[in-house]
Structures are given as C-alpha cells and as structure tokens.
Protein backbone atom coordinates (compact mmCIF):
# COMPACT_ATOMS: atom_id res chain seq x y z
CA MET A 1 -5.05 4.37 29.68
CA LYS A 2 -1.70 2.77 28.79
CA LEU A 3 -0.40 2.96 25.24
CA GLN A 4 0.76 -0.39 23.92
CA LYS A 5 2.97 -1.06 20.95
CA LYS A 6 0.86 -2.51 18.17
CA ALA A 7 1.47 -4.36 14.93
CA PRO A 8 2.30 -2.26 11.84
CA ASN A 9 -0.68 -0.74 10.07
CA LYS A 10 -1.92 -2.88 7.21
CA ILE A 11 -3.06 -1.50 3.85
CA LEU A 12 -6.28 -3.29 2.83
CA LYS A 13 -6.98 -1.40 -0.38
CA LYS A 14 -5.11 1.22 -2.37
CA LEU A 15 -6.67 3.17 -5.20
CA LEU A 16 -5.23 5.88 -7.40
CA LEU A 17 -7.33 8.84 -8.56
CA ASP A 18 -6.35 10.78 -11.66
CA THR A 19 -7.01 14.50 -10.96
CA VAL A 20 -6.08 17.83 -12.54
CA HIS A 21 -3.46 18.20 -9.80
CA GLY A 22 -1.90 14.81 -10.54
CA ASP A 23 -2.31 11.37 -9.01
CA ARG A 24 -4.02 11.19 -5.64
CA SER A 25 -4.14 8.13 -3.37
CA PHE A 26 -7.06 6.79 -1.38
CA LEU A 27 -6.06 4.14 1.16
CA LEU A 28 -8.07 1.87 3.41
CA LEU A 29 -6.04 0.60 6.37
CA GLN A 30 -6.49 -1.50 9.45
CA GLY A 31 -4.43 -0.56 12.47
CA ASP A 32 -3.63 2.27 14.84
CA LEU A 33 -4.36 5.79 13.62
CA LEU A 34 -1.86 7.19 16.13
CA GLN A 35 0.97 5.26 14.48
CA ASP A 36 0.36 7.10 11.23
CA GLU A 37 3.22 9.24 9.91
CA GLY A 38 1.04 11.65 7.92
CA ASP A 39 0.68 15.42 8.29
CA VAL A 40 -2.82 15.45 9.84
CA ILE A 41 -4.86 13.11 12.01
CA VAL A 42 -8.54 13.69 12.78
CA ILE A 43 -10.29 12.32 15.86
CA THR A 44 -13.89 12.46 17.10
CA ILE A 45 -14.77 13.94 20.48
CA HIS A 46 -18.20 13.61 22.12
CA ASP A 47 -19.66 15.59 25.02
CA GLN A 48 -20.79 14.00 28.26
CA GLY A 49 -21.96 16.53 30.82
CA GLY A 50 -19.44 19.09 29.66
CA SER A 51 -16.56 16.58 29.66
CA PRO A 52 -14.97 15.48 26.37
CA GLN A 53 -14.83 11.76 25.63
CA GLY A 54 -13.97 9.48 22.73
CA ASP A 55 -11.98 6.34 21.90
CA LEU A 56 -8.92 8.36 20.86
CA TYR A 57 -9.17 11.36 23.19
CA ASP A 58 -7.25 9.86 26.13
CA LEU A 59 -4.81 8.04 23.85
CA VAL A 60 -3.91 11.28 22.05
CA LYS A 61 -3.33 13.05 25.36
CA GLU A 62 -0.99 10.31 26.53
CA LYS A 63 0.89 9.79 23.27
CA PHE A 64 1.63 13.49 22.79
CA ASP A 65 2.07 14.30 26.50
CA ILE A 66 -0.79 16.81 26.58
CA ASP A 67 -1.46 17.82 30.19
CA HIS A 68 -3.68 20.80 29.43
CA TRP A 69 -5.95 20.26 26.45
CA HIS A 70 -6.29 23.45 24.44
CA GLU A 71 -7.99 23.87 21.07
CA LYS A 72 -8.70 26.60 18.59
CA GLU A 73 -12.09 26.48 16.89
CA ILE A 74 -11.67 26.64 13.12
CA TYR A 75 -15.12 25.69 11.82
CA PHE A 76 -18.55 25.93 13.47
CA LEU A 77 -21.03 23.17 12.62
CA GLY A 78 -24.12 24.40 14.44
CA ASP A 79 -26.07 22.50 17.11
CA HIS A 80 -23.03 22.68 19.41
CA GLY A 81 -20.76 20.89 16.92
CA TRP A 82 -17.44 22.30 15.72
CA ILE A 83 -14.02 21.43 14.28
CA GLY A 84 -10.95 22.36 16.30
CA GLU A 85 -7.16 22.18 16.14
CA VAL A 86 -5.27 20.95 19.20
CA HIS A 87 -2.35 23.07 20.37
CA TYR A 88 0.44 21.04 21.96
CA GLU A 89 4.20 21.14 22.38
CA HIS A 90 6.12 19.76 19.41
CA ARG A 91 9.15 17.75 20.47
CA GLU A 92 12.27 16.65 18.65
CA GLY A 93 12.60 12.98 17.84
CA ARG A 94 8.83 12.51 17.76
CA HIS A 95 6.33 12.73 14.94
CA ASN A 96 4.21 15.85 15.57
CA PRO A 97 1.19 15.87 13.27
CA VAL A 98 -1.55 18.47 13.12
CA ILE A 99 -4.38 17.12 15.29
CA LEU A 100 -7.90 18.12 14.26
CA THR A 101 -10.97 17.30 16.34
CA LEU A 102 -14.55 16.75 15.26
CA HIS A 103 -16.78 17.76 18.19
CA THR A 104 -20.28 16.35 17.87
CA GLY A 105 -21.59 18.24 20.90
CA LEU A 106 -23.57 15.12 21.80
CA PRO A 107 -23.01 12.12 24.11
CA GLU A 108 -21.12 9.14 22.71
CA GLY A 109 -23.42 6.53 21.19
CA THR A 110 -26.03 9.03 19.98
CA THR A 111 -27.81 7.68 16.90
CA PHE A 112 -27.18 9.82 13.83
CA GLU A 113 -29.27 10.24 10.72
CA ILE A 114 -27.34 10.42 7.45
CA ALA A 115 -28.18 14.10 6.95
CA ALA A 116 -26.64 14.98 10.31
CA TYR A 117 -23.66 12.73 9.70
CA GLU A 118 -22.99 14.33 6.31
CA LYS A 119 -22.91 17.72 8.03
CA TYR A 120 -20.05 16.50 10.24
CA VAL A 121 -18.13 15.04 7.30
CA LYS A 122 -18.54 18.14 5.14
CA GLY A 123 -17.49 20.27 8.10
CA THR A 124 -14.29 18.27 8.50
CA PHE A 125 -13.21 18.92 4.92
CA ALA A 126 -14.41 22.53 5.11
CA ALA A 127 -12.05 23.01 8.05
CA LEU A 128 -9.19 21.58 5.99
CA ALA A 129 -10.09 23.96 3.17
CA ALA A 130 -10.01 26.89 5.60
CA LEU A 131 -6.54 25.91 6.80
CA GLU A 132 -5.33 25.48 3.23
CA PHE A 133 -6.71 28.92 2.38
CA GLU A 134 -4.59 30.34 5.23
CA GLY A 135 -1.49 28.92 3.56
CA ARG A 136 -1.17 25.62 5.42
CA SER A 137 -0.43 22.55 3.31
CA PHE A 138 -1.00 18.91 4.16
CA ARG A 139 0.13 16.06 1.90
CA GLU A 140 -1.25 13.14 3.91
CA LEU A 141 -4.45 13.05 5.98
CA ALA A 142 -5.40 10.19 8.30
CA LEU A 143 -8.88 9.66 9.72
CA PRO A 144 -10.69 6.97 11.68
CA VAL A 145 -14.18 5.98 10.65
CA LEU A 146 -15.76 9.15 12.01
CA ILE A 147 -18.45 8.55 14.62
CA ARG A 148 -18.59 4.75 14.23
CA LYS A 149 -20.86 4.41 17.26
CA GLY A 150 -24.37 5.58 16.50
CA LEU A 151 -24.26 4.58 12.83
CA GLU A 152 -25.11 0.89 13.11
CA GLU A 153 -28.34 1.23 11.13
CA ASN A 154 -26.84 3.40 8.37
CA TYR A 155 -23.22 2.27 8.34
CA GLU A 156 -22.86 1.43 4.62
CA GLU A 157 -24.57 4.67 3.60
CA ALA A 158 -22.34 6.61 6.00
CA ILE A 159 -19.24 5.03 4.46
CA GLN A 160 -20.35 6.07 0.98
CA CYS A 161 -20.96 9.60 2.24
CA LEU A 162 -17.48 9.74 3.73
CA ILE A 163 -15.81 8.38 0.57
CA LYS A 164 -17.75 10.79 -1.67
CA HIS A 165 -16.55 13.87 0.20
CA ALA A 166 -13.01 12.52 0.56
CA THR A 167 -12.83 11.97 -3.19
CA SER A 168 -14.16 15.46 -3.81
CA TRP A 169 -11.51 16.90 -1.49
CA LEU A 170 -8.68 15.05 -3.24
CA LYS A 171 -9.86 16.42 -6.57
CA SER A 172 -10.07 20.02 -5.37
CA SER A 173 -7.14 20.33 -2.98
CA LYS A 174 -3.88 21.61 -4.45
CA CYS A 175 -1.77 20.10 -1.67
CA SER A 176 -3.39 16.95 -0.31
CA GLU A 177 -2.08 13.85 -2.06
CA THR A 178 -3.26 11.00 0.15
CA ILE A 179 -6.24 10.31 2.38
CA LYS A 180 -6.00 7.29 4.67
CA TYR A 181 -9.02 5.83 6.44
CA TYR A 182 -8.50 3.52 9.39
CA ILE A 183 -10.93 0.80 10.37
CA HIS A 184 -10.78 -0.88 13.76
CA LYS A 185 -13.00 -3.92 13.29
CA PRO A 186 -11.73 -6.48 10.71
CA GLU A 187 -15.31 -7.36 9.76
CA ASP A 188 -15.82 -3.78 8.53
CA ALA A 189 -13.32 -4.29 5.69
CA VAL A 190 -15.81 -5.99 3.34
CA LYS A 191 -18.38 -3.21 3.80
CA TRP A 192 -15.72 -0.59 3.09
CA GLU A 193 -14.42 -2.30 -0.03
CA GLU A 194 -17.94 -2.70 -1.42
CA SER A 195 -18.71 0.96 -0.74
CA MET A 196 -15.42 2.07 -2.30
CA GLU A 197 -16.22 0.13 -5.45
CA SER A 198 -19.75 1.56 -5.51
CA VAL A 199 -18.70 5.21 -5.11
CA LEU A 200 -15.36 5.27 -6.88
CA SER A 201 -16.46 3.28 -9.92
CA ARG A 202 -18.13 6.46 -11.12
CA THR A 203 -14.79 8.25 -11.28
CA TYR A 204 -11.62 7.44 -13.19
CA ILE A 205 -9.72 5.04 -10.98
CA SER A 206 -6.67 2.94 -11.83
CA TYR A 207 -4.58 0.68 -9.65
CA SER A 208 -1.05 2.00 -9.20
CA LYS A 209 1.31 -0.21 -11.17
CA ALA A 210 4.25 1.45 -9.46
CA GLY A 211 2.77 0.39 -6.12
CA ILE A 212 2.39 -3.20 -7.32
CA VAL A 213 6.00 -3.25 -8.55
CA ASP A 214 7.22 -1.90 -5.22
CA GLN A 215 5.22 -4.47 -3.24
CA LEU A 216 6.52 -7.34 -5.39
CA ARG A 217 10.05 -6.02 -4.98
CA LYS A 218 9.66 -6.17 -1.19
CA GLU A 219 8.19 -9.69 -1.33
CA VAL A 220 11.10 -10.96 -3.43
CA LEU A 221 13.59 -9.45 -0.96
CA THR A 222 11.76 -11.13 1.91
CA VAL A 223 11.93 -14.54 0.21
CA ILE A 224 15.63 -14.07 -0.63
CA ASP A 225 16.36 -13.47 3.05
CA THR A 226 14.90 -16.87 3.94
CA TYR A 227 17.65 -18.64 1.96
CA LYS A 228 20.87 -19.80 3.52
CA LYS A 229 24.00 -18.22 2.08
CA GLU A 230 24.97 -21.24 -0.02
CA GLU A 231 28.14 -20.71 -2.00
CA TYR A 232 26.95 -20.87 -5.63
CA LEU A 233 23.34 -19.76 -5.37
CA TRP A 234 24.03 -16.85 -3.03
CA ARG A 235 27.15 -15.64 -4.84
CA GLU A 236 25.88 -15.93 -8.41
CA VAL A 237 22.14 -15.36 -8.06
CA LEU A 238 20.68 -14.23 -4.76
CA SER A 239 23.27 -11.67 -3.68
CA PRO A 240 23.27 -9.85 -7.08
CA LEU A 241 19.47 -10.06 -7.19
CA ARG A 242 19.17 -8.62 -3.71
CA ASP A 243 21.59 -5.80 -4.49
CA SER A 244 19.74 -4.82 -7.65
CA LEU A 245 16.29 -4.86 -6.04
CA SER A 246 17.54 -2.85 -3.06
CA MET A 247 18.32 0.10 -5.31
CA GLN A 248 15.75 2.85 -4.74
CA LYS A 249 14.79 3.58 -8.32
CA ASP A 250 11.50 4.15 -10.12
CA ARG A 251 12.16 1.27 -12.52
CA ILE A 252 13.62 -2.19 -12.07
CA PRO A 253 17.37 -1.94 -12.80
CA PRO A 254 18.91 -3.92 -15.70
CA GLU A 255 20.86 -6.07 -13.24
CA THR A 256 17.60 -7.69 -12.10
CA LYS A 257 16.78 -8.77 -15.63
CA LYS A 258 20.26 -10.22 -16.14
CA VAL A 259 20.02 -12.25 -12.94
CA ALA A 260 16.68 -13.72 -14.08
CA ARG A 261 18.41 -16.08 -16.53
CA LEU A 262 20.90 -17.09 -13.84
CA LEU A 263 18.00 -18.11 -11.60
CA ALA A 264 16.60 -20.29 -14.40
CA GLU A 265 20.03 -21.88 -14.91
CA ALA A 266 20.44 -22.52 -11.18
CA THR A 267 17.01 -24.14 -10.98
CA VAL A 268 17.66 -26.42 -13.96
CA LYS A 269 21.10 -27.29 -12.58
CA LEU A 270 19.60 -28.27 -9.20
CA ILE A 271 16.93 -30.45 -10.82
CA CYS A 272 19.51 -32.17 -13.04
CA GLU A 273 21.77 -32.86 -10.06
CA LYS A 274 18.91 -34.45 -8.13
CA GLN A 275 17.92 -36.53 -11.18
CA GLY A 276 21.47 -37.53 -12.09
CA ILE A 277 21.26 -35.81 -15.48
CA PRO A 278 24.51 -34.27 -16.83
CA PHE A 279 24.18 -30.52 -17.28
CA HIS A 280 27.00 -28.09 -18.00
CA LEU A 281 25.97 -24.46 -18.34
CA GLN A 282 28.63 -23.65 -20.89
CA ALA A 283 27.97 -26.67 -23.07
CA SER A 284 24.22 -27.17 -22.79
CA ASN A 285 21.41 -25.12 -24.20
CA LEU A 286 19.12 -23.92 -21.42
CA THR A 287 15.98 -23.93 -23.57
CA SER A 288 16.63 -27.48 -24.76
CA MET A 289 17.23 -28.74 -21.25
CA ILE A 290 13.99 -27.19 -19.98
CA GLY A 291 12.21 -28.98 -22.83
CA ILE A 292 13.87 -32.28 -21.92
CA LEU A 293 12.87 -32.02 -18.27
CA LYS A 294 9.30 -31.27 -19.30
CA SER A 295 9.12 -34.08 -21.88
CA ARG A 296 10.41 -36.63 -19.35
CA GLY A 297 7.72 -35.65 -16.87
CA ILE A 298 10.23 -34.27 -14.37
CA ILE A 299 8.79 -30.77 -14.26
CA PRO A 300 5.21 -29.68 -15.07
CA GLU A 301 4.24 -27.42 -17.97
CA LEU A 302 3.72 -24.44 -15.66
CA ALA A 303 7.21 -24.73 -14.16
CA ALA A 304 8.68 -24.97 -17.66
CA GLN A 305 6.90 -21.76 -18.66
CA TYR A 306 8.30 -19.93 -15.63
CA LEU A 307 11.82 -21.07 -16.56
CA TYR A 308 11.32 -20.05 -20.20
CA MET A 309 10.17 -16.61 -19.06
CA LEU A 310 13.19 -16.15 -16.80
CA ARG A 311 15.44 -17.09 -19.69
CA THR A 312 13.68 -14.61 -21.99
CA PHE A 313 13.88 -11.73 -19.53
CA GLY A 314 17.57 -12.50 -19.07
CA ASN A 315 18.20 -12.27 -22.80
CA LYS A 316 20.00 -9.01 -23.67
CA LYS A 317 17.95 -8.67 -26.86
CA SER A 318 14.79 -8.37 -24.75
CA HIS A 319 15.97 -5.01 -23.43
CA ILE A 320 17.02 -3.39 -26.71
CA ASP A 321 14.66 -1.20 -28.71
CA ASN A 322 14.91 -2.98 -32.05
CA SER A 323 11.52 -1.87 -33.33
CA ASP A 324 12.99 -0.87 -36.69
CA GLN A 325 13.75 -4.53 -37.45
CA PHE A 326 10.20 -5.84 -37.18
CA LYS A 327 6.90 -5.21 -38.87
CA TYR A 328 4.96 -5.59 -35.61
CA PRO A 329 7.40 -4.50 -32.89
CA ILE A 330 7.02 -4.24 -29.15
CA ARG A 331 9.26 -1.68 -27.58
CA THR A 332 11.37 -1.89 -24.43
CA LEU A 333 10.07 -3.27 -21.14
CA GLY A 334 7.38 -1.29 -19.34
CA GLU A 335 5.76 -1.48 -15.90
CA ASP A 336 3.49 -4.33 -17.00
CA ASP A 337 6.56 -6.37 -17.95
CA GLU A 338 8.23 -5.56 -14.63
CA ILE A 339 5.19 -6.89 -12.78
CA ILE A 340 5.41 -10.12 -14.79
CA LEU A 341 9.18 -10.36 -14.23
CA LEU A 342 8.99 -9.89 -10.46
CA SER A 343 6.01 -12.25 -10.15
CA THR A 344 7.95 -14.87 -12.10
CA ILE A 345 11.07 -14.41 -9.97
CA LEU A 346 8.99 -14.65 -6.79
CA ARG A 347 7.27 -17.87 -7.89
CA SER A 348 10.56 -19.35 -9.13
CA LEU A 349 12.37 -18.65 -5.85
CA ARG A 350 9.65 -20.51 -3.97
CA TYR A 351 9.80 -23.32 -6.53
CA TYR A 352 13.58 -23.60 -6.06
CA ALA A 353 13.17 -23.76 -2.28
CA ASN A 354 10.59 -26.53 -2.69
CA ILE A 355 12.97 -28.56 -4.89
CA LEU A 356 15.84 -27.95 -2.49
CA GLY A 357 13.82 -29.40 0.38
CA LYS A 358 13.05 -32.68 -1.42
C-alpha cells in the first residue's frame, strides 16, 4: 500500500477545558492521523485468522519502515482484546511518536454493542494511565474514531462514549494537554459536533480566545500577501502591519494598533482619489472625511463604522490606562478587543482590495 502525500489536517472544532491542571484542549480534525506531530498515536487492529488487519496497520508499517512488527502488551481487555505498544527503530529527521494499538481480537466489521465498545475505550485510557504511572509523559494524543466499522447502528452513542472518557482523562492526567480525534468521512463531522455539544455542555467549556486571535492573525497575513507591493500602501501600511503580526508574542504588539489608523487613512485616500475629492492627510480630519463620504452616499454605514473603528484603535489614547480620569472607565485593550481589531483589519483589507479593483 503506497503512502501518498495528503492535504494538511484541518481542525473542525476546538474546545478548551478548564481543569485543576490548567487548560486542556479537545480537538476534532479531518485528515491523516499519520501526519500528526503529537506524542502518541493510537490505531485499531483486528484479527482475521491469526493475521492482524486494519485501515492503518499497513500504512503504519510502511511510514515507519517496520519490517518485523513487535509489540509489548500493556493492558489486557479480556475476550482476546488487549492494548499494546509497538517497538520500532526511531530515526533522526523523522517524527517518531509512541504507537499504541487497540487489539479487538475479532474480525474487522464485527458489530459491537455499546457495552463492549466502552470496554475498548476505557482500556485505551487505562493503558495510557499505566504508562503515565511508569513515568512516561505525553502532551498530545491523537486517535482515529476507534472501531468505526461495526458501529453503524450505535455511532452517535459510541461517539459520546469516546468523548466522555477522553474528557475524563484530560481532567485526571497530569501530563496530557491535548487530545485530537481524527474523522475520515466528512459527513461524520456533524454527528461529532452534535455529540461534543451534548457531552461537553455538562462541563465548563470556553472557546480559546488566544486561538481565535492567532487564527485571525494568520488570516490577515494571508490577505496581506495577496497584495502587490505598491509603493505607498506597502511601505506605509502593509509592510509594517505584516512585520508586527509576524512577531511571535502572546498579545498583539502596539505596532499593529498604530498601523490600524494608517489603513483607514489609506482607504479614505483611495476612495477620494477615485471620486476626485481633495484629501490631504495632514490638513484634513479623518473622522470628518469619513462622515462626508457616508453622507454623500459614497460608502455605506457599515464601511464607515469599520473606518471609525480603525481610527479609534490607532489613537494613542486608546492604549493608555487613564481609568483615574473617568467615572466609568474601561481599562487597556484585552483579548476581546484584539479579536475585534484583527477582524476589522481583515474586513478592511478586503474592502480596500475591492475598491482598488473598481
């Protein structure tokens, strides 16, 4: 079976769990489990006349150059089932994760009742607990939808079972920070999302604002790279904006906020040039000009609000803690504000490109 290069794995849903050990992530992805860069991958192996088989069995052997398959049993499940760890040669220049195997002891396609399926799932996490007890530590775990074949009649219930035990593991493990589940069929995504909402709504879950900020940052950089390096816009706006967003920091750097006003000015300047309206940045008031363009029906209300917001974020006073001066103050910018800022920049860059093309 020949390995083929596939598209990057796609995150379908990302949830953050608040636990006594800190934040823990639960990800639903579509893609290739064997492309995962985590510490552990888990695959399912069935038995057919004494010969192992499974969708990932041959692919794992080929990807990791395993000529002689050798495993150590680490957890016995009963009824011929067990959890094992594959021993293979670790090579430099290649990702070498821990490979765990869930052996059902039954032929592929065997129909499973939920009680039997839960035994396999609990056994998988019990094996991880045993390894952690021995002193092993795993930050990221990646699993396929265990035993997808044979669960057609109880698929949604099986998903909920899997999520329940994964959530329990994330809460109890001192080392594991992220569990990633891979689906293969796109149509399974809706069932997974519904089950995640059903199970996880009973625990404290919050969406990661830091993750949203990071995703918006990447989207803005992608849009910037679609622009031609025009003299004024690139030099004064896009290049500084790209440099500031490329900084690997937890928070959006001040330079990004300063460039926001410049983007508003560049947009207004472009509109005025196309409309034959005189506009000099040093002599004209940006707020007044935005109001004029709106009142003349040149730009819609929504576009005006985006430009006003860019101007406000670019105002130095917006970034100073002056709470002592006001009766009802709002302190310096937080993650919520950064989400608004990046969303506004993203929409405004696309708006500018639309104007430029007309």
